[in-house]
């Protein structure tokens, strides 16, 4: 899987390739597609990293475990 930096570098290369388009409408349409795709890939990458590093909260609170001492 690509890193975020690699994704961004590929995006920049694609934007450079758009300079060959003469029609502004076609340029804008291609740019919007590239930008949307980059956003999707970056979001997926962020979610991937978060779930890989996710740690579950340890339940150390005795009240939540049902082990609370009974007070008179």
PDB file of N, CA and C in Angstrom:
ATOM      1  N   UNK A   1       0.843  -1.186   0.000  1.00  0.00           N
ATOM      2  CA  UNK A   1       0.000   0.000   0.000  1.00  0.00           C
ATOM      3  C   UNK A   1       0.881   1.239   0.000  1.00  0.00           C
ATOM      4  N   UNK A   2       0.466   2.250  -0.683  1.00  0.00           N
ATOM      5  CA  UNK A   2       1.218   3.494  -0.804  1.00  0.00           C
ATOM      6  C   UNK A   2       1.123   4.316   0.473  1.00  0.00           C
ATOM      7  N   UNK A   3       2.158   5.094   0.709  1.00  0.00           N
ATOM      8  CA  UNK A   3       2.110   6.030   1.825  1.00  0.00           C
ATOM      9  C   UNK A   3       1.394   7.298   1.366  1.00  0.00           C
ATOM     10  N   UNK A   4       1.040   8.137   2.333  1.00  0.00           N
ATOM     11  CA  UNK A   4       0.349   9.384   2.001  1.00  0.00           C
ATOM     12  C   UNK A   4       1.233  10.264   1.111  1.00  0.00           C
ATOM     13  N   UNK A   5       2.524  10.270   1.380  1.00  0.00           N
ATOM     14  CA  UNK A   5       3.441  11.088   0.580  1.00  0.00           C
ATOM     15  C   UNK A   5       3.499  10.588  -0.866  1.00  0.00           C
ATOM     16  N   UNK A   6       3.509   9.279  -1.048  1.00  0.00           N
ATOM     17  CA  UNK A   6       3.524   8.721  -2.397  1.00  0.00           C
ATOM     18  C   UNK A   6       2.236   9.059  -3.141  1.00  0.00           C
ATOM     19  N   UNK A   7       1.113   8.990  -2.440  1.00  0.00           N
ATOM     20  CA  UNK A   7      -0.166   9.355  -3.055  1.00  0.00           C
ATOM     21  C   UNK A   7      -0.156  10.811  -3.505  1.00  0.00           C
ATOM     22  N   UNK A   8       0.377  11.677  -2.651  1.00  0.00           N
ATOM     23  CA  UNK A   8       0.422  13.101  -2.986  1.00  0.00           C
ATOM     24  C   UNK A   8       1.364  13.361  -4.154  1.00  0.00           C
ATOM     25  N   UNK A   9       2.499  12.684  -4.191  1.00  0.00           N
ATOM     26  CA  UNK A   9       3.438  12.853  -5.310  1.00  0.00           C
ATOM     27  C   UNK A   9       2.806  12.414  -6.631  1.00  0.00           C
ATOM     28  N   UNK A  10       2.054  11.314  -6.591  1.00  0.00           N
ATOM     29  CA  UNK A  10       1.348  10.862  -7.794  1.00  0.00           C
ATOM     30  C   UNK A  10       0.304  11.896  -8.226  1.00  0.00           C
ATOM     31  N   UNK A  11      -0.363  12.479  -7.248  1.00  0.00           N
ATOM     32  CA  UNK A  11      -1.356  13.520  -7.521  1.00  0.00           C
ATOM     33  C   UNK A  11      -0.698  14.716  -8.206  1.00  0.00           C
ATOM     34  N   UNK A  12       0.446  15.149  -7.694  1.00  0.00           N
ATOM     35  CA  UNK A  12       1.147  16.290  -8.293  1.00  0.00           C
ATOM     36  C   UNK A  12       1.578  15.999  -9.726  1.00  0.00           C
ATOM     37  N   UNK A  13       2.032  14.775  -9.982  1.00  0.00           N
ATOM     38  CA  UNK A  13       2.408  14.393 -11.346  1.00  0.00           C
ATOM     39  C   UNK A  13       1.196  14.453 -12.274  1.00  0.00           C
ATOM     40  N   UNK A  14       0.061  13.992 -11.777  1.00  0.00           N
ATOM     41  CA  UNK A  14      -1.163  14.020 -12.579  1.00  0.00           C
ATOM     42  C   UNK A  14      -1.613  15.449 -12.860  1.00  0.00           C
ATOM     43  N   UNK A  15      -1.461  16.331 -11.889  1.00  0.00           N
ATOM     44  CA  UNK A  15      -1.825  17.740 -12.085  1.00  0.00           C
ATOM     45  C   UNK A  15      -0.907  18.370 -13.125  1.00  0.00           C
ATOM     46  N   UNK A  16       0.367  18.014 -13.095  1.00  0.00           N
ATOM     47  CA  UNK A  16       1.306  18.526 -14.106  1.00  0.00           C
ATOM     48  C   UNK A  16       0.897  18.076 -15.506  1.00  0.00           C
ATOM     49  N   UNK A  17       0.392  16.860 -15.614  1.00  0.00           N
ATOM     50  CA  UNK A  17      -0.039  16.339 -16.914  1.00  0.00           C
ATOM     51  C   UNK A  17      -1.267  17.087 -17.441  1.00  0.00           C
ATOM     52  N   UNK A  18      -2.023  17.705 -16.546  1.00  0.00           N
ATOM     53  CA  UNK A  18      -3.209  18.447 -16.974  1.00  0.00           C
ATOM     54  C   UNK A  18      -2.857  19.714 -17.752  1.00  0.00           C
ATOM     55  N   UNK A  19      -1.627  20.161 -17.663  1.00  0.00           N
ATOM     56  CA  UNK A  19      -1.221  21.392 -18.360  1.00  0.00           C
ATOM     57  C   UNK A  19      -1.323  21.258 -19.873  1.00  0.00           C
ATOM     58  N   UNK A  20      -1.407  20.032 -20.357  1.00  0.00           N
ATOM     59  CA  UNK A  20      -1.503  19.826 -21.807  1.00  0.00           C
ATOM     60  C   UNK A  20      -2.927  20.046 -22.326  1.00  0.00           C
ATOM     61  N   UNK A  21      -3.905  20.140 -21.427  1.00  0.00           N
ATOM     62  CA  UNK A  21      -5.302  20.335 -21.828  1.00  0.00           C
ATOM     63  C   UNK A  21      -5.528  21.817 -22.151  1.00  0.00           C
ATOM     64  N   UNK A  22      -6.052  22.078 -23.350  1.00  0.00           N
ATOM     65  CA  UNK A  22      -6.256  23.454 -23.802  1.00  0.00           C
ATOM     66  C   UNK A  22      -7.601  24.033 -23.362  1.00  0.00           C
ATOM     67  N   UNK A  23      -8.611  23.205 -23.286  1.00  0.00           N
ATOM     68  CA  UNK A  23      -9.954  23.650 -22.958  1.00  0.00           C
ATOM     69  C   UNK A  23     -10.101  23.736 -21.437  1.00  0.00           C
ATOM     70  N   UNK A  24     -10.514  24.906 -20.942  1.00  0.00           N
ATOM     71  CA  UNK A  24     -10.612  25.093 -19.499  1.00  0.00           C
ATOM     72  C   UNK A  24     -11.652  24.181 -18.875  1.00  0.00           C
ATOM     73  N   UNK A  25     -12.778  23.951 -19.547  1.00  0.00           N
ATOM     74  CA  UNK A  25     -13.832  23.080 -19.007  1.00  0.00           C
ATOM     75  C   UNK A  25     -13.292  21.662 -18.791  1.00  0.00           C
ATOM     76  N   UNK A  26     -12.579  21.139 -19.794  1.00  0.00           N
ATOM     77  CA  UNK A  26     -12.010  19.792 -19.676  1.00  0.00           C
ATOM     78  C   UNK A  26     -10.949  19.747 -18.574  1.00  0.00           C
ATOM     79  N   UNK A  27     -10.164  20.820 -18.470  1.00  0.00           N
ATOM     80  CA  UNK A  27      -9.142  20.899 -17.425  1.00  0.00           C
ATOM     81  C   UNK A  27      -9.798  20.860 -16.047  1.00  0.00           C
ATOM     82  N   UNK A  28     -10.838  21.673 -15.876  1.00  0.00           N
ATOM     83  CA  UNK A  28     -11.512  21.743 -14.578  1.00  0.00           C
ATOM     84  C   UNK A  28     -12.157  20.409 -14.223  1.00  0.00           C
ATOM     85  N   UNK A  29     -12.761  19.761 -15.196  1.00  0.00           N
ATOM     86  CA  UNK A  29     -13.400  18.470 -14.965  1.00  0.00           C
ATOM     87  C   UNK A  29     -12.361  17.411 -14.564  1.00  0.00           C
ATOM     88  N   UNK A  30     -11.241  17.367 -15.256  1.00  0.00           N
ATOM     89  CA  UNK A  30     -10.183  16.401 -14.944  1.00  0.00           C
ATOM     90  C   UNK A  30      -9.573  16.700 -13.574  1.00  0.00           C
ATOM     91  N   UNK A  31      -9.377  17.978 -13.277  1.00  0.00           N
ATOM     92  CA  UNK A  31      -8.814  18.360 -11.980  1.00  0.00           C
ATOM     93  C   UNK A  31      -9.746  17.960 -10.837  1.00  0.00           C
ATOM     94  N   UNK A  32     -11.046  18.179 -11.018  1.00  0.00           N
ATOM     95  CA  UNK A  32     -12.014  17.814  -9.980  1.00  0.00           C
ATOM     96  C   UNK A  32     -11.998  16.311  -9.728  1.00  0.00           C
ATOM     97  N   UNK A  33     -11.890  15.519 -10.782  1.00  0.00           N
ATOM     98  CA  UNK A  33     -11.822  14.062 -10.618  1.00  0.00           C
ATOM     99  C   UNK A  33     -10.558  13.656  -9.875  1.00  0.00           C
ATOM    100  N   UNK A  34      -9.428  14.260 -10.245  1.00  0.00           N
ATOM    101  CA  UNK A  34      -8.163  13.954  -9.566  1.00  0.00           C
ATOM    102  C   UNK A  34      -8.224  14.320  -8.092  1.00  0.00           C
ATOM    103  N   UNK A  35      -8.751  15.493  -7.820  1.00  0.00           N
ATOM    104  CA  UNK A  35      -8.812  15.979  -6.447  1.00  0.00           C
ATOM    105  C   UNK A  35      -9.746  15.115  -5.592  1.00  0.00           C
ATOM    106  N   UNK A  36     -10.866  14.720  -6.152  1.00  0.00           N
ATOM    107  CA  UNK A  36     -11.807  13.855  -5.432  1.00  0.00           C
ATOM    108  C   UNK A  36     -11.176  12.494  -5.154  1.00  0.00           C
ATOM    109  N   UNK A  37     -10.479  11.957  -6.127  1.00  0.00           N
ATOM    110  CA  UNK A  37      -9.815  10.666  -5.961  1.00  0.00           C
ATOM    111  C   UNK A  37      -8.726  10.740  -4.892  1.00  0.00           C
ATOM    112  N   UNK A  38      -7.953  11.824  -4.885  1.00  0.00           N
ATOM    113  CA  UNK A  38      -6.929  11.992  -3.852  1.00  0.00           C
ATOM    114  C   UNK A  38      -7.577  12.055  -2.471  1.00  0.00           C
ATOM    115  N   UNK A  39      -8.651  12.803  -2.337  1.00  0.00           N
ATOM    116  CA  UNK A  39      -9.348  12.897  -1.060  1.00  0.00           C
ATOM    117  C   UNK A  39      -9.848  11.549  -0.579  1.00  0.00           C
ATOM    118  N   UNK A  40     -10.398  10.752  -1.490  1.00  0.00           N
ATOM    119  CA  UNK A  40     -10.878   9.415  -1.139  1.00  0.00           C
ATOM    120  C   UNK A  40      -9.736   8.531  -0.669  1.00  0.00           C
ATOM    121  N   UNK A  41      -8.628   8.564  -1.411  1.00  0.00           N
ATOM    122  CA  UNK A  41      -7.479   7.731  -1.057  1.00  0.00           C
ATOM    123  C   UNK A  41      -6.876   8.149   0.283  1.00  0.00           C
ATOM    124  N   UNK A  42      -6.793   9.449   0.521  1.00  0.00           N
ATOM    125  CA  UNK A  42      -6.227   9.929   1.785  1.00  0.00           C
ATOM    126  C   UNK A  42      -7.139   9.562   2.955  1.00  0.00           C
ATOM    127  N   UNK A  43      -8.443   9.655   2.758  1.00  0.00           N
ATOM    128  CA  UNK A  43      -9.386   9.282   3.803  1.00  0.00           C
ATOM    129  C   UNK A  43      -9.269   7.794   4.123  1.00  0.00           C
ATOM    130  N   UNK A  44      -9.207   6.962   3.085  1.00  0.00           N
ATOM    131  CA  UNK A  44      -9.049   5.523   3.296  1.00  0.00           C
ATOM    132  C   UNK A  44      -7.741   5.219   4.012  1.00  0.00           C
ATOM    133  N   UNK A  45      -6.686   5.928   3.624  1.00  0.00           N
ATOM    134  CA  UNK A  45      -5.379   5.724   4.249  1.00  0.00           C
ATOM    135  C   UNK A  45      -5.442   6.088   5.729  1.00  0.00           C
ATOM    136  N   UNK A  46      -6.098   7.198   6.049  1.00  0.00           N
ATOM    137  CA  UNK A  46      -6.220   7.618   7.437  1.00  0.00           C
ATOM    138  C   UNK A  46      -7.022   6.631   8.264  1.00  0.00           C
ATOM    139  N   UNK A  47      -8.102   6.110   7.691  1.00  0.00           N
ATOM    140  CA  UNK A  47      -8.912   5.130   8.406  1.00  0.00           C
ATOM    141  C   UNK A  47      -8.154   3.826   8.604  1.00  0.00           C
ATOM    142  N   UNK A  48      -7.380   3.439   7.600  1.00  0.00           N
ATOM    143  CA  UNK A  48      -6.564   2.231   7.691  1.00  0.00           C
ATOM    144  C   UNK A  48      -5.569   2.335   8.841  1.00  0.00           C
ATOM    145  N   UNK A  49      -4.900   3.478   8.923  1.00  0.00           N
ATOM    146  CA  UNK A  49      -3.893   3.676   9.965  1.00  0.00           C
ATOM    147  C   UNK A  49      -4.537   3.729  11.339  1.00  0.00           C
ATOM    148  N   UNK A  50      -5.710   4.340  11.430  1.00  0.00           N
ATOM    149  CA  UNK A  50      -6.375   4.459  12.726  1.00  0.00           C
ATOM    150  C   UNK A  50      -6.804   3.089  13.232  1.00  0.00           C
ATOM    151  N   UNK A  51      -7.392   2.269  12.370  1.00  0.00           N
ATOM    152  CA  UNK A  51      -7.841   0.956  12.821  1.00  0.00           C
ATOM    153  C   UNK A  51      -6.666   0.038  13.121  1.00  0.00           C
ATOM    154  N   UNK A  52      -5.553   0.226  12.441  1.00  0.00           N
ATOM    155  CA  UNK A  52      -4.384  -0.599  12.707  1.00  0.00           C
ATOM    156  C   UNK A  52      -3.780  -0.263  14.068  1.00  0.00           C
ATOM    157  N   UNK A  53      -3.880   0.982  14.487  1.00  0.00           N
ATOM    158  CA  UNK A  53      -3.282   1.416  15.745  1.00  0.00           C
ATOM    159  C   UNK A  53      -4.285   1.494  16.891  1.00  0.00           C
ATOM    160  N   UNK A  54      -5.526   1.192  16.605  1.00  0.00           N
ATOM    161  CA  UNK A  54      -6.565   1.382  17.602  1.00  0.00           C
ATOM    162  C   UNK A  54      -6.336   0.466  18.807  1.00  0.00           C
ATOM    163  N   UNK A  55      -6.423   1.059  19.954  1.00  0.00           N
ATOM    164  CA  UNK A  55      -6.300   0.298  21.189  1.00  0.00           C
ATOM    165  C   UNK A  55      -7.616   0.406  21.930  1.00  0.00           C
ATOM    166  N   UNK A  56      -8.040  -0.691  22.465  1.00  0.00           N
ATOM    167  CA  UNK A  56      -9.297  -0.682  23.192  1.00  0.00           C
ATOM    168  C   UNK A  56      -9.056  -0.245  24.623  1.00  0.00           C
ATOM    169  N   UNK A  57      -9.997   0.481  25.143  1.00  0.00           N
ATOM    170  CA  UNK A  57      -9.894   1.012  26.492  1.00  0.00           C
ATOM    171  C   UNK A  57      -9.964  -0.139  27.487  1.00  0.00           C
ATOM    172  N   UNK A  58      -9.001  -0.147  28.371  1.00  0.00           N
ATOM    173  CA  UNK A  58      -8.974  -1.159  29.401  1.00  0.00           C
ATOM    174  C   UNK A  58      -9.960  -0.747  30.492  1.00  0.00           C
ATOM    175  N   UNK A  59     -10.741  -1.680  30.975  1.00  0.00           N
ATOM    176  CA  UNK A  59     -11.776  -1.377  31.947  1.00  0.00           C
ATOM    177  C   UNK A  59     -11.209  -1.534  33.360  1.00  0.00           C
ATOM    178  N   UNK A  60     -10.493  -0.515  33.834  1.00  0.00           N
ATOM    179  CA  UNK A  60      -9.894  -0.553  35.162  1.00  0.00           C
ATOM    180  C   UNK A  60     -10.802   0.007  36.243  1.00  0.00           C
ATOM    181  N   UNK A  61     -11.889   0.597  35.878  1.00  0.00           N
ATOM    182  CA  UNK A  61     -12.774   1.205  36.852  1.00  0.00           C
ATOM    183  C   UNK A  61     -13.593   0.102  37.532  1.00  0.00           C
ATOM    184  N   UNK A  62     -13.447  -0.097  38.856  1.00  0.00           N
ATOM    185  CA  UNK A  62     -14.170  -1.175  39.537  1.00  0.00           C
ATOM    186  C   UNK A  62     -15.686  -0.981  39.496  1.00  0.00           C
ATOM    187  N   UNK A  63     -16.142   0.255  39.372  1.00  0.00           N
ATOM    188  CA  UNK A  63     -17.584   0.484  39.296  1.00  0.00           C
ATOM    189  C   UNK A  63     -18.162  -0.085  38.007  1.00  0.00           C
ATOM    190  N   UNK A  64     -17.409  -0.027  36.963  1.00  0.00           N
ATOM    191  CA  UNK A  64     -17.879  -0.540  35.671  1.00  0.00           C
ATOM    192  C   UNK A  64     -17.787  -2.058  35.591  1.00  0.00           C
ATOM    193  N   UNK A  65     -16.877  -2.637  36.364  1.00  0.00           N
ATOM    194  CA  UNK A  65     -16.731  -4.090  36.353  1.00  0.00           C
ATOM    195  C   UNK A  65     -17.723  -4.764  37.293  1.00  0.00           C
ATOM    196  N   UNK A  66     -18.433  -3.984  38.079  1.00  0.00           N
ATOM    197  CA  UNK A  66     -19.385  -4.561  39.007  1.00  0.00           C
ATOM    198  C   UNK A  66     -18.741  -5.034  40.295  1.00  0.00           C
ATOM    199  N   UNK A  67     -17.536  -4.547  40.584  1.00  0.00           N
ATOM    200  CA  UNK A  67     -16.808  -4.966  41.774  1.00  0.00           C
ATOM    201  C   UNK A  67     -16.785  -3.876  42.837  1.00  0.00           C
ATOM    202  N   UNK A  68     -17.713  -2.970  42.787  1.00  0.00           N
ATOM    203  CA  UNK A  68     -17.736  -1.871  43.745  1.00  0.00           C
ATOM    204  C   UNK A  68     -18.029  -2.399  45.152  1.00  0.00           C
ATOM    205  N   UNK A  69     -17.356  -1.823  46.102  1.00  0.00           N
ATOM    206  CA  UNK A  69     -17.592  -2.213  47.494  1.00  0.00           C
ATOM    207  C   UNK A  69     -18.941  -1.657  47.955  1.00  0.00           C
ATOM    208  N   UNK A  70     -19.632  -2.454  48.657  1.00  0.00           N
ATOM    209  CA  UNK A  70     -20.917  -2.004  49.190  1.00  0.00           C
ATOM    210  C   UNK A  70     -20.683  -1.085  50.376  1.00  0.00           C
ATOM    211  N   UNK A  71     -21.255   0.090  50.314  1.00  0.00           N
ATOM    212  CA  UNK A  71     -21.122   1.037  51.417  1.00  0.00           C
ATOM    213  C   UNK A  71     -22.331   0.903  52.344  1.00  0.00           C
ATOM    214  N   UNK A  72     -22.102   0.937  53.658  1.00  0.00           N
ATOM    215  CA  UNK A  72     -23.224   0.760  54.587  1.00  0.00           C
ATOM    216  C   UNK A  72     -24.160   1.941  54.609  1.00  0.00           C
TER     217      UNK A  72
END
